[in-house]
Amino acid sequence: MQSYIKSIIKSAGLEDAVWATTPMSNTQPVLEPITPPDYSYPYVTNLGRLFWVARTCRPDIAFATSLLARFSSCYSSPHITALKRVFKYLAATASIGITYDGHKPFYEVAYSDADYASQHGRKSVSGSVVLMAGAAVAWSSKRQTQRSHVDSPIPR
């Protein structure tokens, strides 16, 4: 998989780019397009490549690719920049992947989490991961279809 990641980074023209330490920026949110669409960049092609990597061996980019997919029909400069950042992150972490340890107990553990209406549109994003022998075997990141209508915090 490392060779595939390197090949898609090269095809995106980012093999010499400065690496990123995270798949997304926490200072530049990805929002609705504010600049005219830029269809000269192969956004959907590159997004598809990232989706394949996220689905097969790199759950750490699942949320970023899911978020960027929302703009696949109307993307502009900030979305392209965010997409390139995921490639730069993969360049920095190309040797990282899922490792199954034969010495760990073979039992299933599942985790899930969700934010609360953090993105534009008040729709929450939920995520989950299932581990076997300490390594991920299934994962997902999904934007919920229903809007949140709770105006006050839920008591804990």
Foldseek 3Di string as FASTA:
>chain_A
DLVLLCVLCVVLVNLPPAADQALADPVDDDADDPDFADPPRPLVVLLVSVVVCCFPWNVRCQQLSQVLVVCPPGDHDVSVVSSNNNSSHCSVVSVDTWDADPPAAFDKDKDKDKDALPGPPQWIKMKMFMDTNRTTDDIHIGTDPDHDDDPDDDDD
